[in-house]
Full PDB file with SEQRES, HELIX, SHEET, SSBOND, CRYST1, ORIGX, SCALE, CONECT and MASTER records, all heavy atoms in Angstrom:
SEQRES   1 A   41  PRO GLU PRO GLU PRO GLU PRO GLU GLU GLU GLY GLU PRO          
SEQRES   2 A   41  ALA PRO VAL ALA VAL THR VAL ALA THR VAL PRO THR ALA          
SEQRES   3 A   41  ILE GLU VAL THR PRO GLU GLU ALA GLY VAL THR ARG ARG          
SEQRES   4 A   41  ARG PHE                                                      
HELIX    1 AA1 PRO A   31  ALA A   34  1                                   4    
CRYST1    1.000    1.000    1.000  90.00  90.00  90.00 P 1           1          
ORIGX1      1.000000  0.000000  0.000000        0.00000                         
ORIGX2      0.000000  1.000000  0.000000        0.00000                         
ORIGX3      0.000000  0.000000  1.000000        0.00000                         
SCALE1      1.000000  0.000000  0.000000        0.00000                         
SCALE2      0.000000  1.000000  0.000000        0.00000                         
SCALE3      0.000000  0.000000  1.000000        0.00000                         
ATOM      1  N   PRO A   1       0.845  -1.230   0.000  1.00  0.00           N  
ATOM      2  CA  PRO A   1       0.000   0.000   0.000  1.00  0.00           C  
ATOM      3  C   PRO A   1       0.860   1.253   0.000  1.00  0.00           C  
ATOM      4  O   PRO A   1       1.923   1.286   0.610  1.00  0.00           O  
ATOM      5  CB  PRO A   1      -0.808  -0.124   1.290  1.00  0.00           C  
ATOM      6  CG  PRO A   1      -0.019  -1.044   2.152  1.00  0.00           C  
ATOM      7  CD  PRO A   1       0.659  -1.988   1.219  1.00  0.00           C  
ATOM      8  N   GLU A   2       0.385   2.156  -0.792  1.00  0.00           N  
ATOM      9  CA  GLU A   2       1.149   3.383  -0.907  1.00  0.00           C  
ATOM     10  C   GLU A   2       1.161   4.118   0.420  1.00  0.00           C  
ATOM     11  O   GLU A   2       0.119   4.337   1.047  1.00  0.00           O  
ATOM     12  CB  GLU A   2       0.546   4.290  -1.974  1.00  0.00           C  
ATOM     13  CG  GLU A   2       0.621   3.660  -3.371  1.00  0.00           C  
ATOM     14  CD  GLU A   2       0.040   4.597  -4.404  1.00  0.00           C  
ATOM     15  OE1 GLU A   2      -0.395   5.695  -4.003  1.00  0.00           O  
ATOM     16  OE2 GLU A   2       0.044   4.224  -5.592  1.00  0.00           O  
ATOM     17  N   PRO A   3       2.334   4.433   0.883  1.00  0.00           N  
ATOM     18  CA  PRO A   3       2.382   5.172   2.164  1.00  0.00           C  
ATOM     19  C   PRO A   3       1.912   6.622   1.976  1.00  0.00           C  
ATOM     20  O   PRO A   3       1.830   7.138   0.859  1.00  0.00           O  
ATOM     21  CB  PRO A   3       3.867   5.095   2.511  1.00  0.00           C  
ATOM     22  CG  PRO A   3       4.555   4.985   1.185  1.00  0.00           C  
ATOM     23  CD  PRO A   3       3.628   4.214   0.284  1.00  0.00           C  
ATOM     24  N   GLU A   4       1.533   7.144   3.094  1.00  0.00           N  
ATOM     25  CA  GLU A   4       1.106   8.541   3.042  1.00  0.00           C  
ATOM     26  C   GLU A   4       2.278   9.393   2.621  1.00  0.00           C  
ATOM     27  O   GLU A   4       3.421   9.113   2.945  1.00  0.00           O  
ATOM     28  CB  GLU A   4       0.625   8.992   4.421  1.00  0.00           C  
ATOM     29  CG  GLU A   4      -0.621   8.219   4.870  1.00  0.00           C  
ATOM     30  CD  GLU A   4      -1.064   8.682   6.246  1.00  0.00           C  
ATOM     31  OE1 GLU A   4      -0.362   9.561   6.810  1.00  0.00           O  
ATOM     32  OE2 GLU A   4      -2.046   8.132   6.731  1.00  0.00           O  
ATOM     33  N   PRO A   5       1.988  10.324   1.845  1.00  0.00           N  
ATOM     34  CA  PRO A   5       3.076  11.173   1.385  1.00  0.00           C  
ATOM     35  C   PRO A   5       3.814  11.831   2.535  1.00  0.00           C  
ATOM     36  O   PRO A   5       3.218  12.296   3.489  1.00  0.00           O  
ATOM     37  CB  PRO A   5       2.373  12.206   0.503  1.00  0.00           C  
ATOM     38  CG  PRO A   5       0.948  12.155   0.894  1.00  0.00           C  
ATOM     39  CD  PRO A   5       0.655  10.800   1.398  1.00  0.00           C  
ATOM     40  N   GLU A   6       5.087  11.714   2.489  1.00  0.00           N  
ATOM     41  CA  GLU A   6       5.933  12.309   3.494  1.00  0.00           C  
ATOM     42  C   GLU A   6       6.898  13.264   2.814  1.00  0.00           C  
ATOM     43  O   GLU A   6       7.155  13.152   1.621  1.00  0.00           O  
ATOM     44  CB  GLU A   6       6.726  11.227   4.251  1.00  0.00           C  
ATOM     45  CG  GLU A   6       5.839  10.302   5.040  1.00  0.00           C  
ATOM     46  CD  GLU A   6       6.658   9.272   5.754  1.00  0.00           C  
ATOM     47  OE1 GLU A   6       7.920   9.268   5.573  1.00  0.00           O  
ATOM     48  OE2 GLU A   6       6.104   8.417   6.471  1.00  0.00           O  
ATOM     49  N   PRO A   7       7.393  14.013   3.578  1.00  0.00           N  
ATOM     50  CA  PRO A   7       8.356  14.942   2.977  1.00  0.00           C  
ATOM     51  C   PRO A   7       9.517  14.151   2.407  1.00  0.00           C  
ATOM     52  O   PRO A   7      10.047  13.228   3.030  1.00  0.00           O  
ATOM     53  CB  PRO A   7       8.797  15.814   4.152  1.00  0.00           C  
ATOM     54  CG  PRO A   7       7.731  15.673   5.160  1.00  0.00           C  
ATOM     55  CD  PRO A   7       7.112  14.340   4.999  1.00  0.00           C  
ATOM     56  N   GLU A   8       9.781  14.470   1.196  1.00  0.00           N  
ATOM     57  CA  GLU A   8      10.865  13.773   0.527  1.00  0.00           C  
ATOM     58  C   GLU A   8      12.202  14.175   1.120  1.00  0.00           C  
ATOM     59  O   GLU A   8      12.436  15.324   1.431  1.00  0.00           O  
ATOM     60  CB  GLU A   8      10.852  14.087  -0.964  1.00  0.00           C  
ATOM     61  CG  GLU A   8       9.616  13.552  -1.682  1.00  0.00           C  
ATOM     62  CD  GLU A   8       9.684  13.841  -3.158  1.00  0.00           C  
ATOM     63  OE1 GLU A   8      10.677  14.444  -3.581  1.00  0.00           O  
ATOM     64  OE2 GLU A   8       8.776  13.406  -3.895  1.00  0.00           O  
ATOM     65  N   GLU A   9      13.035  13.118   1.300  1.00  0.00           N  
ATOM     66  CA  GLU A   9      14.376  13.357   1.789  1.00  0.00           C  
ATOM     67  C   GLU A   9      15.368  12.991   0.691  1.00  0.00           C  
ATOM     68  O   GLU A   9      15.196  12.015  -0.038  1.00  0.00           O  
ATOM     69  CB  GLU A   9      14.669  12.509   3.034  1.00  0.00           C  
ATOM     70  CG  GLU A   9      13.763  12.857   4.206  1.00  0.00           C  
ATOM     71  CD  GLU A   9      14.088  12.006   5.403  1.00  0.00           C  
ATOM     72  OE1 GLU A   9      15.051  11.170   5.295  1.00  0.00           O  
ATOM     73  OE2 GLU A   9      13.411  12.139   6.435  1.00  0.00           O  
ATOM     74  N   GLU A  10      16.339  13.742   0.625  1.00  0.00           N  
ATOM     75  CA  GLU A  10      17.336  13.520  -0.391  1.00  0.00           C  
ATOM     76  C   GLU A  10      18.186  12.276  -0.066  1.00  0.00           C  
ATOM     77  O   GLU A  10      18.490  12.019   1.092  1.00  0.00           O  
ATOM     78  CB  GLU A  10      18.242  14.745  -0.494  1.00  0.00           C  
ATOM     79  CG  GLU A  10      17.512  15.984  -0.982  1.00  0.00           C  
ATOM     80  CD  GLU A  10      18.455  17.153  -1.101  1.00  0.00           C  
ATOM     81  OE1 GLU A  10      19.673  16.937  -0.803  1.00  0.00           O  
ATOM     82  OE2 GLU A  10      18.014  18.231  -1.514  1.00  0.00           O  
ATOM     83  N   GLY A  11      18.531  11.538  -1.083  1.00  0.00           N  
ATOM     84  CA  GLY A  11      19.416  10.371  -0.928  1.00  0.00           C  
ATOM     85  C   GLY A  11      18.724   9.078  -0.571  1.00  0.00           C  
ATOM     86  O   GLY A  11      19.382   8.076  -0.339  1.00  0.00           O  
ATOM     87  N   GLU A  12      17.367   8.982  -0.472  1.00  0.00           N  
ATOM     88  CA  GLU A  12      16.677   7.733  -0.124  1.00  0.00           C  
ATOM     89  C   GLU A  12      16.544   6.890  -1.375  1.00  0.00           C  
ATOM     90  O   GLU A  12      15.981   7.330  -2.375  1.00  0.00           O  
ATOM     91  CB  GLU A  12      15.306   8.054   0.453  1.00  0.00           C  
ATOM     92  CG  GLU A  12      14.567   6.801   0.928  1.00  0.00           C  
ATOM     93  CD  GLU A  12      13.231   7.167   1.578  1.00  0.00           C  
ATOM     94  OE1 GLU A  12      12.952   8.340   1.797  1.00  0.00           O  
ATOM     95  OE2 GLU A  12      12.495   6.212   1.855  1.00  0.00           O  
ATOM     96  N   PRO A  13      17.057   5.561  -1.358  1.00  0.00           N  
ATOM     97  CA  PRO A  13      16.987   4.726  -2.563  1.00  0.00           C  
ATOM     98  C   PRO A  13      15.583   4.246  -2.859  1.00  0.00           C  
ATOM     99  O   PRO A  13      14.780   4.043  -1.962  1.00  0.00           O  
ATOM    100  CB  PRO A  13      17.911   3.535  -2.236  1.00  0.00           C  
ATOM    101  CG  PRO A  13      17.874   3.447  -0.756  1.00  0.00           C  
ATOM    102  CD  PRO A  13      17.732   4.871  -0.244  1.00  0.00           C  
ATOM    103  N   ALA A  14      15.307   4.056  -4.125  1.00  0.00           N  
ATOM    104  CA  ALA A  14      14.000   3.553  -4.546  1.00  0.00           C  
ATOM    105  C   ALA A  14      13.950   2.036  -4.367  1.00  0.00           C  
ATOM    106  O   ALA A  14      14.963   1.346  -4.458  1.00  0.00           O  
ATOM    107  CB  ALA A  14      13.755   3.916  -6.001  1.00  0.00           C  
ATOM    108  N   PRO A  15      12.768   1.454  -4.065  1.00  0.00           N  
ATOM    109  CA  PRO A  15      12.650  -0.005  -3.920  1.00  0.00           C  
ATOM    110  C   PRO A  15      12.958  -0.717  -5.222  1.00  0.00           C  
ATOM    111  O   PRO A  15      12.600  -0.248  -6.302  1.00  0.00           O  
ATOM    112  CB  PRO A  15      11.207  -0.198  -3.498  1.00  0.00           C  
ATOM    113  CG  PRO A  15      10.499   1.001  -3.986  1.00  0.00           C  
ATOM    114  CD  PRO A  15      11.470   2.156  -3.897  1.00  0.00           C  
ATOM    115  N   VAL A  16      13.649  -1.883  -5.103  1.00  0.00           N  
ATOM    116  CA  VAL A  16      14.002  -2.686  -6.283  1.00  0.00           C  
ATOM    117  C   VAL A  16      13.481  -4.105  -6.118  1.00  0.00           C  
ATOM    118  O   VAL A  16      13.154  -4.543  -5.010  1.00  0.00           O  
ATOM    119  CB  VAL A  16      15.533  -2.724  -6.481  1.00  0.00           C  
ATOM    120  CG1 VAL A  16      16.069  -1.337  -6.799  1.00  0.00           C  
ATOM    121  CG2 VAL A  16      16.210  -3.303  -5.251  1.00  0.00           C  
ATOM    122  N   ALA A  17      13.400  -4.838  -7.232  1.00  0.00           N  
ATOM    123  CA  ALA A  17      12.947  -6.238  -7.184  1.00  0.00           C  
ATOM    124  C   ALA A  17      14.036  -7.128  -6.586  1.00  0.00           C  
ATOM    125  O   ALA A  17      15.234  -6.882  -6.747  1.00  0.00           O  
ATOM    126  CB  ALA A  17      12.597  -6.724  -8.587  1.00  0.00           C  
ATOM    127  N   VAL A  18      13.604  -8.220  -5.888  1.00  0.00           N  
ATOM    128  CA  VAL A  18      14.526  -9.163  -5.258  1.00  0.00           C  
ATOM    129  C   VAL A  18      14.635 -10.425  -6.131  1.00  0.00           C  
ATOM    130  O   VAL A  18      13.618 -11.033  -6.485  1.00  0.00           O  
ATOM    131  CB  VAL A  18      14.078  -9.550  -3.839  1.00  0.00           C  
ATOM    132  CG1 VAL A  18      15.023 -10.571  -3.233  1.00  0.00           C  
ATOM    133  CG2 VAL A  18      13.987  -8.303  -2.980  1.00  0.00           C  
ATOM    134  N   THR A  19      15.838 -10.808  -6.438  1.00  0.00           N  
ATOM    135  CA  THR A  19      16.068 -12.011  -7.260  1.00  0.00           C  
ATOM    136  C   THR A  19      16.739 -13.090  -6.401  1.00  0.00           C  
ATOM    137  O   THR A  19      17.771 -12.852  -5.774  1.00  0.00           O  
ATOM    138  CB  THR A  19      16.961 -11.695  -8.453  1.00  0.00           C  
ATOM    139  OG1 THR A  19      16.325 -10.670  -9.244  1.00  0.00           O  
ATOM    140  CG2 THR A  19      17.193 -12.939  -9.315  1.00  0.00           C  
ATOM    141  N   VAL A  20      16.117 -14.305  -6.374  1.00  0.00           N  
ATOM    142  CA  VAL A  20      16.648 -15.439  -5.597  1.00  0.00           C  
ATOM    143  C   VAL A  20      17.230 -16.457  -6.578  1.00  0.00           C  
ATOM    144  O   VAL A  20      16.533 -16.932  -7.480  1.00  0.00           O  
ATOM    145  CB  VAL A  20      15.547 -16.087  -4.736  1.00  0.00           C  
ATOM    146  CG1 VAL A  20      16.127 -17.268  -3.966  1.00  0.00           C  
ATOM    147  CG2 VAL A  20      14.947 -15.062  -3.796  1.00  0.00           C  
ATOM    148  N   ALA A  21      18.471 -16.748  -6.434  1.00  0.00           N  
ATOM    149  CA  ALA A  21      19.139 -17.704  -7.319  1.00  0.00           C  
ATOM    150  C   ALA A  21      19.794 -18.808  -6.488  1.00  0.00           C  
ATOM    151  O   ALA A  21      20.324 -18.554  -5.406  1.00  0.00           O  
ATOM    152  CB  ALA A  21      20.178 -17.002  -8.176  1.00  0.00           C  
ATOM    153  N   THR A  22      19.734 -20.044  -6.981  1.00  0.00           N  
ATOM    154  CA  THR A  22      20.362 -21.206  -6.328  1.00  0.00           C  
ATOM    155  C   THR A  22      21.529 -21.682  -7.175  1.00  0.00           C  
ATOM    156  O   THR A  22      21.362 -21.970  -8.363  1.00  0.00           O  
ATOM    157  CB  THR A  22      19.361 -22.352  -6.153  1.00  0.00           C  
ATOM    158  OG1 THR A  22      18.244 -21.859  -5.405  1.00  0.00           O  
ATOM    159  CG2 THR A  22      19.996 -23.515  -5.425  1.00  0.00           C  
ATOM    160  N   VAL A  23      22.692 -21.752  -6.579  1.00  0.00           N  
ATOM    161  CA  VAL A  23      23.886 -22.194  -7.309  1.00  0.00           C  
ATOM    162  C   VAL A  23      24.003 -23.727  -7.209  1.00  0.00           C  
ATOM    163  O   VAL A  23      23.978 -24.273  -6.096  1.00  0.00           O  
ATOM    164  CB  VAL A  23      25.153 -21.542  -6.733  1.00  0.00           C  
ATOM    165  CG1 VAL A  23      26.393 -22.019  -7.489  1.00  0.00           C  
ATOM    166  CG2 VAL A  23      25.018 -20.031  -6.808  1.00  0.00           C  
ATOM    167  N   PRO A  24      24.068 -24.486  -8.337  1.00  0.00           N  
ATOM    168  CA  PRO A  24      24.194 -25.949  -8.268  1.00  0.00           C  
ATOM    169  C   PRO A  24      25.501 -26.364  -7.599  1.00  0.00           C  
ATOM    170  O   PRO A  24      26.540 -25.730  -7.771  1.00  0.00           O  
ATOM    171  CB  PRO A  24      24.165 -26.381  -9.739  1.00  0.00           C  
ATOM    172  CG  PRO A  24      24.589 -25.165 -10.496  1.00  0.00           C  
ATOM    173  CD  PRO A  24      24.065 -23.984  -9.730  1.00  0.00           C  
ATOM    174  N   THR A  25      25.410 -27.421  -6.805  1.00  0.00           N  
ATOM    175  CA  THR A  25      26.570 -27.913  -6.064  1.00  0.00           C  
ATOM    176  C   THR A  25      27.096 -29.185  -6.719  1.00  0.00           C  
ATOM    177  O   THR A  25      26.329 -30.129  -6.945  1.00  0.00           O  
ATOM    178  CB  THR A  25      26.198 -28.198  -4.602  1.00  0.00           C  
ATOM    179  OG1 THR A  25      25.668 -27.003  -4.027  1.00  0.00           O  
ATOM    180  CG2 THR A  25      27.413 -28.650  -3.811  1.00  0.00           C  
ATOM    181  N   ALA A  26      28.358 -29.247  -7.050  1.00  0.00           N  
ATOM    182  CA  ALA A  26      28.986 -30.440  -7.648  1.00  0.00           C  
ATOM    183  C   ALA A  26      29.546 -31.319  -6.540  1.00  0.00           C  
ATOM    184  O   ALA A  26      30.297 -30.859  -5.686  1.00  0.00           O  
ATOM    185  CB  ALA A  26      30.097 -30.034  -8.609  1.00  0.00           C  
ATOM    186  N   ILE A  27      29.120 -32.589  -6.524  1.00  0.00           N  
ATOM    187  CA  ILE A  27      29.564 -33.542  -5.503  1.00  0.00           C  
ATOM    188  C   ILE A  27      30.523 -34.534  -6.144  1.00  0.00           C  
ATOM    189  O   ILE A  27      30.177 -35.198  -7.120  1.00  0.00           O  
ATOM    190  CB  ILE A  27      28.364 -34.272  -4.869  1.00  0.00           C  
ATOM    191  CG1 ILE A  27      27.391 -33.259  -4.263  1.00  0.00           C  
ATOM    192  CG2 ILE A  27      28.835 -35.280  -3.827  1.00  0.00           C  
ATOM    193  CD1 ILE A  27      26.134 -33.891  -3.713  1.00  0.00           C  
ATOM    194  N   GLU A  28      31.720 -34.643  -5.636  1.00  0.00           N  
ATOM    195  CA  GLU A  28      32.694 -35.592  -6.151  1.00  0.00           C  
ATOM    196  C   GLU A  28      32.365 -36.996  -5.653  1.00  0.00           C  
ATOM    197  O   GLU A  28      32.027 -37.196  -4.490  1.00  0.00           O  
ATOM    198  CB  GLU A  28      34.101 -35.203  -5.707  1.00  0.00           C  
ATOM    199  CG  GLU A  28      34.573 -33.883  -6.301  1.00  0.00           C  
ATOM    200  CD  GLU A  28      36.015 -33.587  -5.930  1.00  0.00           C  
ATOM    201  OE1 GLU A  28      36.594 -34.426  -5.209  1.00  0.00           O  
ATOM    202  OE2 GLU A  28      36.532 -32.539  -6.358  1.00  0.00           O  
ATOM    203  N   VAL A  29      32.455 -37.970  -6.557  1.00  0.00           N  
ATOM    204  CA  VAL A  29      32.140 -39.366  -6.244  1.00  0.00           C  
ATOM    205  C   VAL A  29      33.420 -40.175  -6.314  1.00  0.00           C  
ATOM    206  O   VAL A  29      34.133 -40.145  -7.318  1.00  0.00           O  
ATOM    207  CB  VAL A  29      31.097 -39.936  -7.222  1.00  0.00           C  
ATOM    208  CG1 VAL A  29      30.789 -41.382  -6.875  1.00  0.00           C  
ATOM    209  CG2 VAL A  29      29.833 -39.091  -7.182  1.00  0.00           C  
ATOM    210  N   THR A  30      33.725 -40.891  -5.250  1.00  0.00           N  
ATOM    211  CA  THR A  30      34.913 -41.739  -5.221  1.00  0.00           C  
ATOM    212  C   THR A  30      34.655 -43.025  -6.013  1.00  0.00           C  
ATOM    213  O   THR A  30      33.496 -43.414  -6.230  1.00  0.00           O  
ATOM    214  CB  THR A  30      35.282 -42.104  -3.773  1.00  0.00           C  
ATOM    215  OG1 THR A  30      34.195 -42.850  -3.208  1.00  0.00           O  
ATOM    216  CG2 THR A  30      35.507 -40.846  -2.948  1.00  0.00           C  
ATOM    217  N   PRO A  31      35.717 -43.708  -6.476  1.00  0.00           N  
ATOM    218  CA  PRO A  31      35.519 -44.979  -7.204  1.00  0.00           C  
ATOM    219  C   PRO A  31      34.754 -46.007  -6.385  1.00  0.00           C  
ATOM    220  O   PRO A  31      34.005 -46.805  -6.927  1.00  0.00           O  
ATOM    221  CB  PRO A  31      36.954 -45.438  -7.499  1.00  0.00           C  
ATOM    222  CG  PRO A  31      37.762 -44.183  -7.501  1.00  0.00           C  
ATOM    223  CD  PRO A  31      37.128 -43.295  -6.484  1.00  0.00           C  
ATOM    224  N   GLU A  32      34.953 -46.002  -5.045  1.00  0.00           N  
ATOM    225  CA  GLU A  32      34.236 -46.966  -4.212  1.00  0.00           C  
ATOM    226  C   GLU A  32      32.745 -46.680  -4.217  1.00  0.00           C  
ATOM    227  O   GLU A  32      31.908 -47.581  -4.232  1.00  0.00           O  
ATOM    228  CB  GLU A  32      34.774 -46.932  -2.775  1.00  0.00           C  
ATOM    229  CG  GLU A  32      36.185 -47.498  -2.617  1.00  0.00           C  
ATOM    230  CD  GLU A  32      37.240 -46.533  -3.125  1.00  0.00           C  
ATOM    231  OE1 GLU A  32      36.886 -45.353  -3.380  1.00  0.00           O  
ATOM    232  OE2 GLU A  32      38.409 -46.948  -3.249  1.00  0.00           O  
ATOM    233  N   GLU A  33      32.363 -45.352  -4.199  1.00  0.00           N  
ATOM    234  CA  GLU A  33      30.952 -44.993  -4.215  1.00  0.00           C  
ATOM    235  C   GLU A  33      30.336 -45.216  -5.592  1.00  0.00           C  
ATOM    236  O   GLU A  33      29.169 -45.582  -5.699  1.00  0.00           O  
ATOM    237  CB  GLU A  33      30.789 -43.536  -3.802  1.00  0.00           C  
ATOM    238  CG  GLU A  33      31.193 -43.244  -2.358  1.00  0.00           C  
ATOM    239  CD  GLU A  33      31.142 -41.766  -2.041  1.00  0.00           C  
ATOM    240  OE1 GLU A  33      31.170 -40.944  -2.979  1.00  0.00           O  
ATOM    241  OE2 GLU A  33      31.072 -41.445  -0.844  1.00  0.00           O  
ATOM    242  N   ALA A  34      31.135 -44.985  -6.635  1.00  0.00           N  
ATOM    243  CA  ALA A  34      30.599 -45.161  -7.988  1.00  0.00           C  
ATOM    244  C   ALA A  34      30.394 -46.624  -8.334  1.00  0.00           C  
ATOM    245  O   ALA A  34      29.564 -46.978  -9.153  1.00  0.00           O  
ATOM    246  CB  ALA A  34      31.547 -44.523  -9.003  1.00  0.00           C  
ATOM    247  N   GLY A  35      31.126 -47.548  -7.682  1.00  0.00           N  
ATOM    248  CA  GLY A  35      31.010 -48.969  -7.961  1.00  0.00           C  
ATOM    249  C   GLY A  35      31.922 -49.406  -9.091  1.00  0.00           C  
ATOM    250  O   GLY A  35      32.779 -48.657  -9.554  1.00  0.00           O  
ATOM    251  N   VAL A  36      31.742 -50.662  -9.572  1.00  0.00           N  
ATOM    252  CA  VAL A  36      32.585 -51.245 -10.606  1.00  0.00           C  
ATOM    253  C   VAL A  36      32.016 -50.907 -11.974  1.00  0.00           C  
ATOM    254  O   VAL A  36      30.839 -51.129 -12.240  1.00  0.00           O  
ATOM    255  CB  VAL A  36      32.678 -52.774 -10.434  1.00  0.00           C  
ATOM    256  CG1 VAL A  36      33.568 -53.384 -11.514  1.00  0.00           C  
ATOM    257  CG2 VAL A  36      33.215 -53.111  -9.058  1.00  0.00           C  
ATOM    258  N   THR A  37      32.851 -50.378 -12.853  1.00  0.00           N  
ATOM    259  CA  THR A  37      32.401 -50.047 -14.196  1.00  0.00           C  
ATOM    260  C   THR A  37      32.297 -51.312 -15.043  1.00  0.00           C  
ATOM    261  O   THR A  37      32.811 -52.368 -14.685  1.00  0.00           O  
ATOM    262  CB  THR A  37      33.382 -49.070 -14.858  1.00  0.00           C  
ATOM    263  OG1 THR A  37      34.652 -49.725 -14.981  1.00  0.00           O  
ATOM    264  CG2 THR A  37      33.529 -47.797 -14.033  1.00  0.00           C  
ATOM    265  N   ARG A  38      31.632 -51.181 -16.178  1.00  0.00           N  
ATOM    266  CA  ARG A  38      31.485 -52.339 -17.074  1.00  0.00           C  
ATOM    267  C   ARG A  38      32.852 -52.806 -17.562  1.00  0.00           C  
ATOM    268  O   ARG A  38      33.130 -53.996 -17.621  1.00  0.00           O  
ATOM    269  CB  ARG A  38      30.608 -51.963 -18.264  1.00  0.00           C  
ATOM    270  CG  ARG A  38      29.123 -51.842 -17.932  1.00  0.00           C  
ATOM    271  CD  ARG A  38      28.318 -51.732 -19.219  1.00  0.00           C  
ATOM    272  NE  ARG A  38      26.899 -51.617 -18.937  1.00  0.00           N  
ATOM    273  CZ  ARG A  38      26.259 -50.459 -18.822  1.00  0.00           C  
ATOM    274  NH1 ARG A  38      26.940 -49.330 -18.950  1.00  0.00           N  
ATOM    275  NH2 ARG A  38      24.971 -50.424 -18.583  1.00  0.00           N  
ATOM    276  N   ARG A  39      33.696 -51.845 -17.937  1.00  0.00           N  
ATOM    277  CA  ARG A  39      35.010 -52.231 -18.441  1.00  0.00           C  
ATOM    278  C   ARG A  39      35.809 -52.957 -17.380  1.00  0.00           C  
ATOM    279  O   ARG A  39      36.444 -53.975 -17.650  1.00  0.00           O  
ATOM    280  CB  ARG A  39      35.769 -50.980 -18.891  1.00  0.00           C  
ATOM    281  CG  ARG A  39      37.203 -51.278 -19.334  1.00  0.00           C  
ATOM    282  CD  ARG A  39      37.889 -50.052 -19.856  1.00  0.00           C  
ATOM    283  NE  ARG A  39      37.288 -49.593 -21.093  1.00  0.00           N  
ATOM    284  CZ  ARG A  39      37.723 -48.528 -21.774  1.00  0.00           C  
ATOM    285  NH1 ARG A  39      38.736 -47.832 -21.305  1.00  0.00           N  
ATOM    286  NH2 ARG A  39      37.148 -48.174 -22.894  1.00  0.00           N  
ATOM    287  N   ARG A  40      35.767 -52.437 -16.152  1.00  0.00           N  
ATOM    288  CA  ARG A  40      36.515 -53.095 -15.090  1.00  0.00           C  
ATOM    289  C   ARG A  40      35.948 -54.480 -14.793  1.00  0.00           C  
ATOM    290  O   ARG A  40      36.689 -55.431 -14.538  1.00  0.00           O  
ATOM    291  CB  ARG A  40      36.463 -52.237 -13.821  1.00  0.00           C  
ATOM    292  CG  ARG A  40      37.298 -52.783 -12.666  1.00  0.00           C  
ATOM    293  CD  ARG A  40      37.252 -51.863 -11.469  1.00  0.00           C  
ATOM    294  NE  ARG A  40      37.780 -50.539 -11.809  1.00  0.00           N  
ATOM    295  CZ  ARG A  40      37.766 -49.517 -10.957  1.00  0.00           C  
ATOM    296  NH1 ARG A  40      37.256 -49.668  -9.754  1.00  0.00           N  
ATOM    297  NH2 ARG A  40      38.254 -48.343 -11.326  1.00  0.00           N  
ATOM    298  N   PHE A  41      34.626 -54.624 -14.860  1.00  0.00           N  
ATOM    299  CA  PHE A  41      34.009 -55.926 -14.600  1.00  0.00           C  
ATOM    300  C   PHE A  41      34.464 -56.962 -15.623  1.00  0.00           C  
ATOM    301  O   PHE A  41      34.851 -58.079 -15.280  1.00  0.00           O  
ATOM    302  CB  PHE A  41      32.486 -55.793 -14.631  1.00  0.00           C  
ATOM    303  CG  PHE A  41      31.762 -57.107 -14.608  1.00  0.00           C  
ATOM    304  CD1 PHE A  41      31.623 -57.829 -13.427  1.00  0.00           C  
ATOM    305  CD2 PHE A  41      31.239 -57.638 -15.776  1.00  0.00           C  
ATOM    306  CE1 PHE A  41      30.967 -59.045 -13.416  1.00  0.00           C  
ATOM    307  CE2 PHE A  41      30.581 -58.854 -15.769  1.00  0.00           C  
ATOM    308  CZ  PHE A  41      30.449 -59.554 -14.584  1.00  0.00           C  
TER     309      PHE A  41                                                      
MASTER        0    0    0    1    0    0    0    6  308    1    0    4          
END                                                                             
């Protein structure tokens, strides 16, 4: 809701949109966790 008009003060920043971003996380897998490959089998 629009606030009641107040005396304008110099230097007050205007409202901006908020952006939420999620950075993907890379998980390293050890050979034991990955299991036996077809070639190795």
